[in-house]
Amino acid sequence: MTIRRITMMAASLAAATTLSILVLAQSTRAEERLEGGTIIYVHEQEPPCLWGGWVQQAYLSRQVFDYLVSYDNGQIRPWLATDWSESKDRKTITFHLRKDVVFTDGDKFNADAVIANYPAWEKGIGWHGFTYMKGFTKVDDSTVELHLSDPNPEIYNVLANGHYGFQSPKSLANNSSEQKCLTPVGTGPWKIEKWTRGSGISFLRNDAYQWAPANAHHNGPAYAERLEWKFVPDATTRWGALISGQANVAYQPPSVQWKAAQQRFQTLDFVATGRPQGLSFNVARPPFADQRVRQAFTYAIDRKRIVAAVFKGAVPYEGNGSLSKTTPLYLNVDDGYTFDVDKANALLDQAGWSKRDAMGYRVKDGKVLEARLPFNQAIIDSEGAIALQAIQDQVKAVGFKVDLVPLTQTEGFAGAYSKPDQKEISFGYWVWPSPNILDIVYNHQLNGRPNGNNTSFFNDEAVEAKIIDAQREGDPALRKAKFDALQHWFSDQAVAIGVYNFTYNVAVDNRLKGLWQDQGNGLLNFNDAYFVKE
């Protein structure tokens, strides 16, 4: 090799290195973090209170409250609890607490604060009985014991989700119900300045914050000074706010724009744990007390095609009606109910629905094969409603008459069309980080009363015993086998069928970095988000 060639190669290498350094420097300058600023986030649903049992409340609670532990891609990380241990019977968990945490009203977080919050959890969340928690006892100022009625392998996932945050004991004791609803006091990275009903919530940075979870991207106060959380029900309007620069983060852009969002912005997506958006049949009375009729309805729907057509790839199809794919011990059962009109017709004939009226609907003993399907518009958005209309059209071909009944958020949460004689089909999701979602949605009782979460009105003590047995099982392999068998059984019985997964899609302005979703509820962490120079 000549000296000239070596010199040229060295010069080229030096030039390439210089170019790399320049590119890196430009990249570093482009990504330089700006201090402060206001993050504007456009969300869809406005819940009645900042905390409670609905996942839409958990999104907000995460900004104001902190939790004992954090869920991180299948691992449990320390948060307000530094470490923990279990008793041999797995019914007592001892948590050691941080000693430096302070609520934004000056109250101190300690064992007494944990114990003071338990009654609020018990009364304010609505399905507390399914966690198996019985309460806390104080060991010393920085140690508490959590007592369970039954072993619960997912208890840490439950404690990490957005519902079990801590409020200051002073606020719980002295604040009015409205204050505790609209402006609760936590230890979290944000505190509430004002909630303007119908518009949004203004959050201010908690400058004293120094106790982020172990999986956070930084520990300390939020990088931004303010967070403006706007309630914008229309997806197209939210998308417009993002592309026009009026918002930095947009929840659930229209599915038709999701590919454009992925090309133009940063995007985050999370399939919620629990059960998917699915159809639950009222098995307590005709016509869906008959398994053949449930199966016929399922065969009559081309679910995969409907999901693809409505959501354009933004939301995944889900055939499992009991568990979503992110839930621990989920089984991809692929229920086998492929679109098959001939099978649907044959099953209805076998069930005695062999005649049709002038409109083409099936009749039996003078009654039309009719099903009322009420749906809460706060839970089923406009795209979900389109999917329901497609289902309504498809099942008509085999003789089902489906009456869609849209409910307002107020009507839905007040219990409209919730009794067994008021509906034949329900549609909705349930966010929960454990396979004992089966207990929540199929147990016919909650604390000795009818369980309102059981929208199929299922009541089978033998099956319920199997669910409880699976949940208690300590051997991981046996536990999986038991939950596999249960998922197969519910699929075969067609008590509930999946349609699509509840998916938390978010589009983020390229000037905002560091935003992330947790892996329990998909909750957004704005504490780590910061602006960069353009």
Protein backbone atom coordinates (compact mmCIF):
# COMPACT_ATOMS: atom_id res chain seq x y z
CA MET A 1 0.00 0.00 0.00
CA THR A 2 1.48 3.38 -0.99
CA ILE A 3 2.12 6.21 1.45
CA ARG A 4 -0.22 8.38 -0.61
CA ARG A 5 -3.05 5.81 -0.32
CA ILE A 6 -2.51 5.43 3.43
CA THR A 7 -2.55 9.23 3.79
CA MET A 8 -5.77 9.49 1.75
CA MET A 9 -7.39 6.75 3.86
CA ALA A 10 -6.32 8.51 7.05
CA ALA A 11 -7.68 11.78 5.73
CA SER A 12 -10.94 10.11 4.78
CA LEU A 13 -11.17 8.49 8.22
CA ALA A 14 -10.44 11.81 9.89
CA ALA A 15 -13.06 13.51 7.75
CA ALA A 16 -15.60 10.80 8.56
CA THR A 17 -14.79 11.08 12.25
CA THR A 18 -15.11 14.86 12.09
CA LEU A 19 -18.44 14.48 10.28
CA SER A 20 -19.63 12.00 12.91
CA ILE A 21 -18.67 14.39 15.67
CA LEU A 22 -20.47 17.23 13.91
CA VAL A 23 -23.57 15.10 13.39
CA LEU A 24 -23.45 13.99 17.02
CA ALA A 25 -22.99 17.57 18.16
CA GLN A 26 -25.89 18.71 15.99
CA SER A 27 -27.98 15.82 17.28
CA THR A 28 -27.06 16.69 20.87
CA ARG A 29 -27.94 20.33 20.28
CA ALA A 30 -31.21 19.27 18.62
CA GLU A 31 -32.04 17.11 21.64
CA GLU A 32 -30.97 19.68 24.23
CA ARG A 33 -33.49 19.70 27.04
CA LEU A 34 -35.35 22.92 27.67
CA GLU A 35 -36.18 23.75 31.24
CA GLY A 36 -39.81 24.28 32.21
CA GLY A 37 -42.67 24.78 29.81
CA THR A 38 -46.28 23.62 29.73
CA ILE A 39 -47.32 20.23 28.38
CA ILE A 40 -50.77 20.26 26.78
CA TYR A 41 -52.45 16.86 26.63
CA VAL A 42 -55.83 16.27 24.97
CA HIS A 43 -57.74 13.33 26.44
CA GLU A 44 -61.21 11.96 25.67
CA GLN A 45 -63.29 11.07 28.74
CA GLU A 46 -63.88 13.31 31.73
CA PRO A 47 -64.49 11.15 34.82
CA PRO A 48 -66.63 12.28 37.74
CA CYS A 49 -63.67 12.31 40.18
CA LEU A 50 -59.92 12.24 39.92
CA TRP A 51 -59.68 8.87 41.67
CA GLY A 52 -61.85 5.77 41.79
CA GLY A 53 -62.27 2.40 40.11
CA TRP A 54 -62.45 3.42 36.42
CA VAL A 55 -59.27 3.31 34.38
CA GLN A 56 -60.00 6.84 33.12
CA GLN A 57 -59.62 7.95 36.74
CA ALA A 58 -56.40 5.97 37.07
CA TYR A 59 -54.86 8.01 34.23
CA LEU A 60 -55.37 11.13 36.33
CA SER A 61 -54.57 9.54 39.70
CA ARG A 62 -51.12 8.57 38.44
CA GLN A 63 -50.19 12.25 38.13
CA VAL A 64 -51.10 13.17 41.73
CA PHE A 65 -50.50 10.02 43.77
CA ASP A 66 -47.64 7.63 44.43
CA TYR A 67 -47.87 3.88 45.10
CA LEU A 68 -46.20 1.22 47.22
CA VAL A 69 -44.64 -0.50 44.20
CA SER A 70 -44.27 -0.04 40.44
CA TYR A 71 -44.95 -2.61 37.72
CA ASP A 72 -42.17 -2.74 35.13
CA ASN A 73 -42.52 -5.22 32.24
CA GLY A 74 -43.37 -8.14 34.49
CA GLN A 75 -41.12 -7.04 37.37
CA ILE A 76 -42.15 -5.31 40.59
CA ARG A 77 -39.97 -2.32 41.47
CA PRO A 78 -39.69 -0.29 44.69
CA TRP A 79 -41.56 2.97 45.03
CA LEU A 80 -42.89 4.19 48.37
CA ALA A 81 -42.00 0.75 49.70
CA THR A 82 -38.28 0.06 49.64
CA ASP A 83 -38.60 -3.71 50.11
CA TRP A 84 -41.09 -6.34 51.24
CA SER A 85 -41.44 -9.96 52.34
CA GLU A 86 -44.20 -12.58 52.54
CA SER A 87 -45.30 -14.95 55.28
CA LYS A 88 -45.18 -18.69 54.60
CA ASP A 89 -48.93 -18.85 53.96
CA ARG A 90 -48.64 -15.87 51.54
CA LYS A 91 -51.41 -14.05 53.40
CA THR A 92 -49.28 -11.40 55.10
CA ILE A 93 -46.90 -9.04 53.29
CA THR A 94 -44.55 -6.81 55.27
CA PHE A 95 -43.68 -3.52 53.52
CA HIS A 96 -40.81 -1.26 54.63
CA LEU A 97 -41.58 2.35 53.71
CA ARG A 98 -39.49 5.29 52.62
CA LYS A 99 -38.91 7.84 55.39
CA ASP A 100 -38.47 10.99 53.28
CA VAL A 101 -41.85 11.28 51.53
CA VAL A 102 -44.11 14.27 52.17
CA PHE A 103 -47.61 15.08 50.91
CA THR A 104 -48.08 18.40 49.13
CA ASP A 105 -49.99 19.77 52.13
CA GLY A 106 -47.03 19.04 54.43
CA ASP A 107 -48.42 15.83 55.91
CA LYS A 108 -45.86 13.04 56.29
CA PHE A 109 -46.13 9.70 54.52
CA ASN A 110 -45.66 6.86 57.01
CA ALA A 111 -47.37 3.75 58.35
CA ASP A 112 -50.24 5.82 59.77
CA ALA A 113 -50.84 7.34 56.33
CA VAL A 114 -51.02 3.91 54.74
CA ILE A 115 -53.56 2.74 57.31
CA ALA A 116 -55.62 5.96 56.92
CA ASN A 117 -55.94 5.33 53.16
CA TYR A 118 -57.27 1.80 53.39
CA PRO A 119 -60.92 2.80 54.11
CA ALA A 120 -60.83 5.11 51.08
CA TRP A 121 -59.61 2.23 48.92
CA GLU A 122 -62.26 -0.06 50.32
CA LYS A 123 -65.19 2.34 49.80
CA GLY A 124 -64.10 4.34 46.79
CA ILE A 125 -63.01 1.74 44.25
CA GLY A 126 -66.04 -0.55 44.07
CA TRP A 127 -64.55 -4.02 43.58
CA HIS A 128 -62.23 -4.13 46.53
CA GLY A 129 -63.38 -7.61 47.55
CA PHE A 130 -61.68 -9.21 44.57
CA THR A 131 -58.21 -8.09 45.72
CA TYR A 132 -58.48 -10.28 48.87
CA MET A 133 -57.10 -7.40 50.94
CA LYS A 134 -58.35 -7.28 54.54
CA GLY A 135 -56.37 -4.30 55.78
CA PHE A 136 -53.04 -3.02 57.09
CA THR A 137 -51.56 -3.10 60.56
CA LYS A 138 -48.72 -0.92 61.81
CA VAL A 139 -45.47 -2.52 62.89
CA ASP A 140 -43.63 0.78 63.40
CA ASP A 141 -43.60 4.23 61.80
CA SER A 142 -41.99 2.92 58.60
CA THR A 143 -43.31 -0.65 58.47
CA VAL A 144 -46.78 -2.02 57.72
CA GLU A 145 -48.25 -5.47 57.24
CA LEU A 146 -50.86 -6.07 54.53
CA HIS A 147 -53.26 -8.91 55.38
CA LEU A 148 -55.02 -11.00 52.72
CA SER A 149 -57.95 -13.37 53.11
CA ASP A 150 -56.45 -15.57 50.37
CA PRO A 151 -53.05 -15.71 48.70
CA ASN A 152 -53.00 -13.40 45.69
CA PRO A 153 -50.01 -13.84 43.33
CA GLU A 154 -50.90 -10.61 41.51
CA ILE A 155 -51.32 -8.48 44.64
CA TYR A 156 -48.24 -6.43 43.69
CA ASN A 157 -49.62 -5.79 40.19
CA VAL A 158 -52.84 -4.64 41.82
CA LEU A 159 -51.07 -2.31 44.25
CA ALA A 160 -49.03 -0.86 41.38
CA ASN A 161 -52.00 0.06 39.21
CA GLY A 162 -53.48 3.53 39.15
CA HIS A 163 -56.17 2.99 41.77
CA TYR A 164 -54.21 2.37 44.97
CA GLY A 165 -52.47 5.71 45.42
CA PHE A 166 -52.10 7.57 48.72
CA GLN A 167 -53.86 10.75 49.85
CA SER A 168 -52.77 12.79 52.83
CA PRO A 169 -54.49 11.73 56.07
CA LYS A 170 -55.15 15.40 56.84
CA SER A 171 -57.09 15.82 53.57
CA LEU A 172 -59.02 12.58 54.06
CA ALA A 173 -60.08 13.68 57.53
CA ASN A 174 -60.84 17.35 56.89
CA ASN A 175 -61.59 18.02 53.22
CA SER A 176 -65.11 18.01 51.83
CA SER A 177 -66.32 15.26 49.50
CA GLU A 178 -66.04 17.66 46.56
CA GLN A 179 -62.48 18.62 47.50
CA LYS A 180 -61.47 14.97 47.81
CA CYS A 181 -63.08 14.31 44.42
CA LEU A 182 -61.74 17.26 42.42
CA THR A 183 -58.55 18.30 44.24
CA PRO A 184 -57.20 15.36 46.27
CA VAL A 185 -53.83 15.76 47.96
CA GLY A 186 -51.06 13.30 47.14
CA THR A 187 -47.28 12.95 47.19
CA GLY A 188 -46.99 12.69 43.41
CA PRO A 189 -45.05 14.76 40.86
CA TRP A 190 -48.05 17.01 40.14
CA LYS A 191 -50.58 18.87 42.25
CA ILE A 192 -53.92 20.19 41.09
CA GLU A 193 -54.31 23.91 40.58
CA LYS A 194 -57.87 23.82 39.22
CA TRP A 195 -60.41 21.50 37.63
CA THR A 196 -62.72 23.33 35.24
CA ARG A 197 -65.63 21.01 34.55
CA GLY A 198 -66.20 20.35 30.86
CA SER A 199 -62.81 21.79 29.96
CA GLY A 200 -59.82 20.34 31.78
CA ILE A 201 -57.48 20.17 34.76
CA SER A 202 -54.47 22.40 35.39
CA PHE A 203 -51.59 20.65 37.17
CA LEU A 204 -48.60 22.37 38.76
CA ARG A 205 -45.21 20.74 39.31
CA ASN A 206 -44.48 19.46 42.81
CA ASP A 207 -41.05 21.05 43.31
CA ALA A 208 -40.37 18.90 46.39
CA TYR A 209 -40.72 15.60 44.51
CA GLN A 210 -37.75 13.26 45.13
CA TRP A 211 -39.23 9.74 45.33
CA ALA A 212 -39.96 8.50 41.81
CA PRO A 213 -40.30 4.73 41.26
CA ALA A 214 -37.18 2.68 40.53
CA ASN A 215 -38.11 2.35 36.84
CA ALA A 216 -38.62 6.09 36.25
CA HIS A 217 -36.24 7.84 33.87
CA HIS A 218 -35.15 10.36 36.49
CA ASN A 219 -35.72 11.15 40.15
CA GLY A 220 -36.76 14.65 41.08
CA PRO A 221 -39.37 17.26 40.14
CA ALA A 222 -40.99 17.13 36.71
CA TYR A 223 -39.00 18.77 33.95
CA ALA A 224 -42.03 20.76 32.79
CA GLU A 225 -43.60 23.37 35.07
CA ARG A 226 -47.22 22.77 34.16
CA LEU A 227 -49.46 20.07 32.71
CA GLU A 228 -52.72 21.10 31.06
CA TRP A 229 -55.02 18.08 30.75
CA LYS A 230 -57.82 18.95 28.32
CA PHE A 231 -61.01 16.92 27.85
CA VAL A 232 -61.79 16.74 24.12
CA PRO A 233 -64.39 14.03 23.34
CA ASP A 234 -64.01 14.13 19.54
CA ALA A 235 -61.02 12.20 18.13
CA THR A 236 -60.76 14.34 15.01
CA THR A 237 -60.60 17.49 17.13
CA ARG A 238 -57.84 15.95 19.27
CA TRP A 239 -55.89 15.05 16.14
CA GLY A 240 -56.37 18.56 14.80
CA ALA A 241 -55.04 20.05 18.03
CA LEU A 242 -51.87 17.98 17.72
CA ILE A 243 -51.13 18.68 14.07
CA SER A 244 -51.82 22.41 14.52
CA GLY A 245 -49.48 22.64 17.50
CA GLN A 246 -52.24 23.45 20.00
CA ALA A 247 -51.48 20.23 21.88
CA ASN A 248 -48.29 18.27 22.53
CA VAL A 249 -49.88 14.88 23.20
CA ALA A 250 -53.11 13.41 21.82
CA TYR A 251 -54.99 10.42 23.22
CA GLN A 252 -56.60 7.97 20.76
CA PRO A 253 -56.17 9.74 17.41
CA PRO A 254 -58.71 8.60 14.80
CA SER A 255 -57.74 5.11 13.64
CA VAL A 256 -57.75 6.28 10.03
CA GLN A 257 -54.90 8.66 11.02
CA TRP A 258 -52.85 6.18 13.05
CA LYS A 259 -50.41 5.32 10.25
CA ALA A 260 -49.95 9.02 9.53
CA ALA A 261 -49.34 9.59 13.25
CA GLN A 262 -46.67 6.89 13.27
CA GLN A 263 -44.92 8.52 10.33
CA ARG A 264 -45.21 12.11 11.51
CA PHE A 265 -45.00 11.92 15.32
CA GLN A 266 -43.76 9.73 18.14
CA THR A 267 -46.37 7.16 19.11
CA LEU A 268 -47.06 5.01 22.17
CA ASP A 269 -49.53 2.17 22.39
CA PHE A 270 -50.55 -0.18 25.13
CA VAL A 271 -53.06 -3.04 25.17
CA ALA A 272 -54.79 -2.85 28.53
CA THR A 273 -54.69 -5.77 30.94
CA GLY A 274 -57.94 -7.42 32.04
CA ARG A 275 -60.53 -8.41 29.48
CA PRO A 276 -60.94 -7.02 25.96
CA GLN A 277 -63.78 -5.13 24.39
CA GLY A 278 -66.16 -8.01 23.97
CA LEU A 279 -69.74 -9.24 23.87
CA SER A 280 -71.15 -10.80 27.04
CA PHE A 281 -74.39 -12.74 26.61
CA ASN A 282 -77.11 -12.78 29.27
CA VAL A 283 -77.05 -16.48 30.08
CA ALA A 284 -79.69 -16.16 32.79
CA ARG A 285 -82.67 -15.95 30.41
CA PRO A 286 -83.69 -16.61 26.79
CA PRO A 287 -82.59 -16.46 24.10
CA PHE A 288 -78.91 -16.66 25.14
CA ALA A 289 -79.45 -19.13 27.96
CA ASP A 290 -79.19 -21.59 25.06
CA GLN A 291 -75.54 -22.22 24.16
CA ARG A 292 -76.50 -22.91 20.54
CA VAL A 293 -77.95 -19.42 20.18
CA ARG A 294 -74.80 -17.85 21.65
CA GLN A 295 -72.65 -19.85 19.28
CA ALA A 296 -74.87 -18.99 16.31
CA PHE A 297 -74.52 -15.28 17.07
CA THR A 298 -70.75 -15.70 17.23
CA TYR A 299 -70.51 -17.61 13.95
CA ALA A 300 -72.62 -14.92 12.29
CA ILE A 301 -69.98 -12.21 12.90
CA ASP A 302 -66.82 -11.72 10.86
CA ARG A 303 -65.02 -10.15 13.81
CA LYS A 304 -61.55 -10.01 12.28
CA ARG A 305 -62.83 -8.24 9.19
CA ILE A 306 -64.87 -5.76 11.23
CA VAL A 307 -61.90 -4.87 13.44
CA ALA A 308 -59.60 -4.46 10.44
CA ALA A 309 -62.13 -2.29 8.60
CA VAL A 310 -62.99 -0.03 11.53
CA PHE A 311 -59.61 0.37 13.24
CA LYS A 312 -57.25 0.26 10.24
CA GLY A 313 -54.56 -1.61 12.16
CA ALA A 314 -54.57 0.79 15.14
CA VAL A 315 -56.32 -1.72 17.42
CA PRO A 316 -55.76 -5.51 17.44
CA TYR A 317 -58.45 -8.17 17.12
CA GLU A 318 -58.95 -10.38 20.18
CA GLY A 319 -60.81 -13.69 20.13
CA ASN A 320 -60.44 -14.50 23.83
CA GLY A 321 -63.52 -13.06 25.54
CA SER A 322 -62.16 -13.52 29.05
CA LEU A 323 -58.58 -12.16 29.10
CA SER A 324 -56.70 -9.59 27.03
CA LYS A 325 -53.29 -10.53 25.67
CA THR A 326 -51.30 -8.46 28.21
CA THR A 327 -52.97 -10.08 31.22
CA PRO A 328 -50.83 -12.59 33.17
CA LEU A 329 -51.62 -16.20 32.10
CA TYR A 330 -53.48 -15.07 28.97
CA LEU A 331 -54.13 -17.92 26.55
CA ASN A 332 -54.41 -17.33 22.82
CA VAL A 333 -57.41 -19.62 22.53
CA ASP A 334 -58.47 -18.36 19.09
CA ASP A 335 -61.97 -19.49 20.00
CA GLY A 336 -62.65 -21.28 16.70
CA TYR A 337 -65.78 -19.31 15.93
CA THR A 338 -64.76 -18.25 12.45
CA PHE A 339 -67.29 -16.44 10.29
CA ASP A 340 -69.66 -19.19 9.12
CA VAL A 341 -73.23 -18.26 8.19
CA ASP A 342 -74.17 -21.87 7.41
CA LYS A 343 -73.19 -23.01 10.92
CA ALA A 344 -75.07 -20.09 12.45
CA ASN A 345 -78.23 -20.95 10.53
CA ALA A 346 -77.96 -24.65 11.39
CA LEU A 347 -77.55 -23.93 15.10
CA LEU A 348 -80.56 -21.63 15.15
CA ASP A 349 -82.65 -24.26 13.38
CA GLN A 350 -81.58 -26.84 15.98
CA ALA A 351 -82.52 -24.43 18.78
CA GLY A 352 -86.06 -24.15 17.40
CA TRP A 353 -85.70 -20.73 15.76
CA SER A 354 -86.52 -22.16 12.35
CA LYS A 355 -89.13 -19.67 11.13
CA ARG A 356 -88.75 -16.09 9.95
CA ASP A 357 -91.07 -13.11 9.85
CA ALA A 358 -91.61 -10.74 6.92
CA MET A 359 -88.53 -8.72 7.97
CA GLY A 360 -86.33 -11.81 7.90
CA TYR A 361 -85.98 -12.09 11.69
CA ARG A 362 -86.28 -15.48 13.30
CA VAL A 363 -89.34 -16.26 15.40
CA LYS A 364 -90.22 -18.95 17.92
CA ASP A 365 -93.50 -19.36 19.78
CA GLY A 366 -94.61 -16.01 18.41
CA LYS A 367 -91.51 -14.16 19.71
CA VAL A 368 -88.89 -12.46 17.57
CA LEU A 369 -85.22 -13.40 18.12
CA GLU A 370 -84.42 -9.97 19.51
CA ALA A 371 -81.55 -8.71 21.66
CA ARG A 372 -81.10 -5.34 23.35
CA LEU A 373 -77.48 -4.18 23.44
CA PRO A 374 -77.01 -1.04 25.57
CA PHE A 375 -73.55 0.52 25.54
CA ASN A 376 -71.98 3.33 27.54
CA GLN A 377 -70.61 5.95 25.17
CA ALA A 378 -67.96 6.87 27.75
CA ILE A 379 -66.56 3.36 27.36
CA ILE A 380 -67.42 2.66 23.72
CA ASP A 381 -66.22 5.53 21.52
CA SER A 382 -67.56 6.44 18.07
CA GLU A 383 -65.36 3.84 16.36
CA GLY A 384 -66.56 1.17 18.76
CA ALA A 385 -70.12 2.19 17.97
CA ILE A 386 -69.38 1.68 14.26
CA ALA A 387 -68.11 -1.83 15.05
CA LEU A 388 -71.37 -2.54 16.90
CA GLN A 389 -73.38 -1.33 13.93
CA ALA A 390 -71.41 -3.70 11.70
CA ILE A 391 -72.20 -6.56 14.10
CA GLN A 392 -75.87 -5.55 14.08
CA ASP A 393 -75.91 -5.67 10.26
CA GLN A 394 -74.11 -9.01 10.00
CA VAL A 395 -76.24 -10.96 12.47
CA LYS A 396 -79.40 -9.74 10.76
CA ALA A 397 -78.49 -12.00 7.84
CA VAL A 398 -79.07 -15.09 10.00
CA GLY A 399 -82.19 -13.70 11.65
CA PHE A 400 -81.08 -11.81 14.81
CA LYS A 401 -82.66 -8.45 15.55
CA VAL A 402 -80.24 -6.37 17.62
CA ASP A 403 -81.39 -3.11 19.20
CA LEU A 404 -78.42 -0.84 19.96
CA VAL A 405 -79.10 1.44 22.93
CA PRO A 406 -76.49 4.22 23.37
CA LEU A 407 -76.18 5.50 26.95
CA THR A 408 -74.58 8.68 28.23
CA GLN A 409 -71.81 8.43 30.80
CA THR A 410 -74.26 9.52 33.50
CA GLU A 411 -76.85 6.94 32.46
CA GLY A 412 -74.29 4.17 32.21
CA PHE A 413 -72.73 4.80 35.60
CA ALA A 414 -76.14 5.23 37.19
CA GLY A 415 -76.99 1.65 36.22
CA ALA A 416 -79.35 2.12 33.29
CA TYR A 417 -80.12 -1.15 31.46
CA SER A 418 -78.05 -3.12 33.97
CA LYS A 419 -80.59 -5.66 35.25
CA PRO A 420 -81.08 -9.16 33.79
CA ASP A 421 -84.50 -8.32 32.35
CA GLN A 422 -83.26 -5.12 30.67
CA LYS A 423 -80.69 -6.45 28.21
CA GLU A 424 -79.62 -9.55 26.35
CA ILE A 425 -76.05 -8.51 25.39
CA SER A 426 -73.44 -6.27 27.00
CA PHE A 427 -70.35 -4.78 25.39
CA GLY A 428 -67.30 -3.40 27.17
CA TYR A 429 -63.84 -3.95 28.59
CA TRP A 430 -62.42 -4.32 32.10
CA VAL A 431 -58.89 -3.20 33.00
CA TRP A 432 -57.31 -5.41 35.67
CA PRO A 433 -53.73 -6.76 35.98
CA SER A 434 -54.60 -10.32 36.99
CA PRO A 435 -56.32 -13.42 35.56
CA ASN A 436 -58.71 -13.26 38.50
CA ILE A 437 -60.59 -10.84 36.28
CA LEU A 438 -62.57 -14.07 35.75
CA ASP A 439 -63.68 -13.80 39.38
CA ILE A 440 -64.61 -10.13 38.93
CA VAL A 441 -66.75 -10.65 35.82
CA TYR A 442 -68.24 -14.12 36.45
CA ASN A 443 -68.82 -14.24 40.22
CA HIS A 444 -72.56 -13.73 40.76
CA GLN A 445 -71.99 -11.99 44.12
CA LEU A 446 -69.83 -9.20 45.49
CA ASN A 447 -69.79 -8.80 49.27
CA GLY A 448 -72.99 -10.80 49.53
CA ARG A 449 -74.92 -8.82 46.91
CA PRO A 450 -75.46 -9.22 43.15
CA ASN A 451 -72.21 -8.43 41.35
CA GLY A 452 -72.77 -5.57 38.90
CA ASN A 453 -69.54 -6.45 37.07
CA ASN A 454 -71.08 -9.77 36.01
CA THR A 455 -72.82 -8.50 32.88
CA SER A 456 -73.47 -12.02 31.57
CA PHE A 457 -75.33 -12.84 34.82
CA PHE A 458 -73.35 -16.07 34.92
CA ASN A 459 -74.04 -18.19 38.00
CA ASP A 460 -72.31 -21.55 38.33
CA GLU A 461 -70.90 -22.40 41.75
CA ALA A 462 -68.76 -25.26 40.42
CA VAL A 463 -67.05 -23.02 37.86
CA GLU A 464 -66.67 -20.22 40.39
CA ALA A 465 -64.94 -22.69 42.74
CA LYS A 466 -62.48 -23.53 39.95
CA ILE A 467 -61.73 -19.84 39.42
CA ILE A 468 -61.00 -19.34 43.12
CA ASP A 469 -58.91 -22.52 43.20
CA ALA A 470 -56.84 -21.33 40.24
CA GLN A 471 -56.31 -17.93 41.83
CA ARG A 472 -55.11 -19.47 45.10
CA GLU A 473 -52.77 -21.94 43.41
CA GLY A 474 -49.15 -21.34 44.41
CA ASP A 475 -47.45 -23.63 41.91
CA PRO A 476 -46.89 -21.56 38.72
CA ALA A 477 -47.26 -24.50 36.31
CA LEU A 478 -50.44 -25.77 37.96
CA ARG A 479 -51.86 -22.27 38.14
CA LYS A 480 -51.28 -21.75 34.42
CA ALA A 481 -52.89 -25.11 33.60
CA LYS A 482 -55.95 -24.24 35.66
CA PHE A 483 -56.40 -20.83 34.05
CA ASP A 484 -55.82 -22.35 30.61
CA ALA A 485 -58.65 -24.81 31.25
CA LEU A 486 -60.96 -22.03 32.43
CA GLN A 487 -60.28 -19.90 29.36
CA HIS A 488 -60.97 -22.88 27.09
CA TRP A 489 -64.21 -23.59 28.95
CA PHE A 490 -65.58 -20.04 28.71
CA SER A 491 -64.61 -19.93 25.04
CA ASP A 492 -66.33 -23.24 24.26
CA GLN A 493 -69.44 -22.11 26.12
CA ALA A 494 -69.44 -18.73 24.32
CA VAL A 495 -70.48 -16.96 27.50
CA ALA A 496 -68.46 -13.98 26.30
CA ILE A 497 -66.56 -13.46 23.06
CA GLY A 498 -63.74 -11.07 22.32
CA VAL A 499 -63.84 -8.50 19.54
CA TYR A 500 -60.87 -6.15 19.97
CA ASN A 501 -58.41 -5.17 22.67
CA PHE A 502 -58.84 -1.90 24.53
CA THR A 503 -55.72 -0.12 23.31
CA TYR A 504 -54.33 3.12 24.68
CA ASN A 505 -52.85 4.85 21.59
CA VAL A 506 -51.04 8.16 22.02
CA ALA A 507 -49.39 10.49 19.50
CA VAL A 508 -46.65 12.80 20.79
CA ASP A 509 -45.18 15.99 19.31
CA ASN A 510 -41.54 15.45 18.30
CA ARG A 511 -40.50 18.40 20.46
CA LEU A 512 -41.56 16.51 23.60
CA LYS A 513 -39.29 13.67 24.72
CA GLY A 514 -39.24 11.21 27.59
CA LEU A 515 -42.96 10.44 27.81
CA TRP A 516 -43.68 6.78 28.64
CA GLN A 517 -46.49 4.42 29.56
CA ASP A 518 -46.37 2.05 32.49
CA GLN A 519 -47.03 -1.63 31.80
CA GLY A 520 -49.85 -2.12 34.30
CA ASN A 521 -52.54 0.21 32.98
CA GLY A 522 -50.66 2.00 30.20
CA LEU A 523 -50.71 5.17 32.31
CA LEU A 524 -48.71 8.10 31.00
CA ASN A 525 -45.74 9.36 33.02
CA PHE A 526 -45.44 13.09 32.37
CA ASN A 527 -42.84 13.55 35.11
CA ASP A 528 -40.05 12.40 32.77
CA ALA A 529 -41.28 14.38 29.74
CA TYR A 530 -39.33 17.42 28.57
CA PHE A 531 -39.19 19.77 25.61
CA VAL A 532 -36.21 20.01 23.26
CA LYS A 533 -35.07 22.74 20.92
CA GLU A 534 -36.34 22.39 17.37
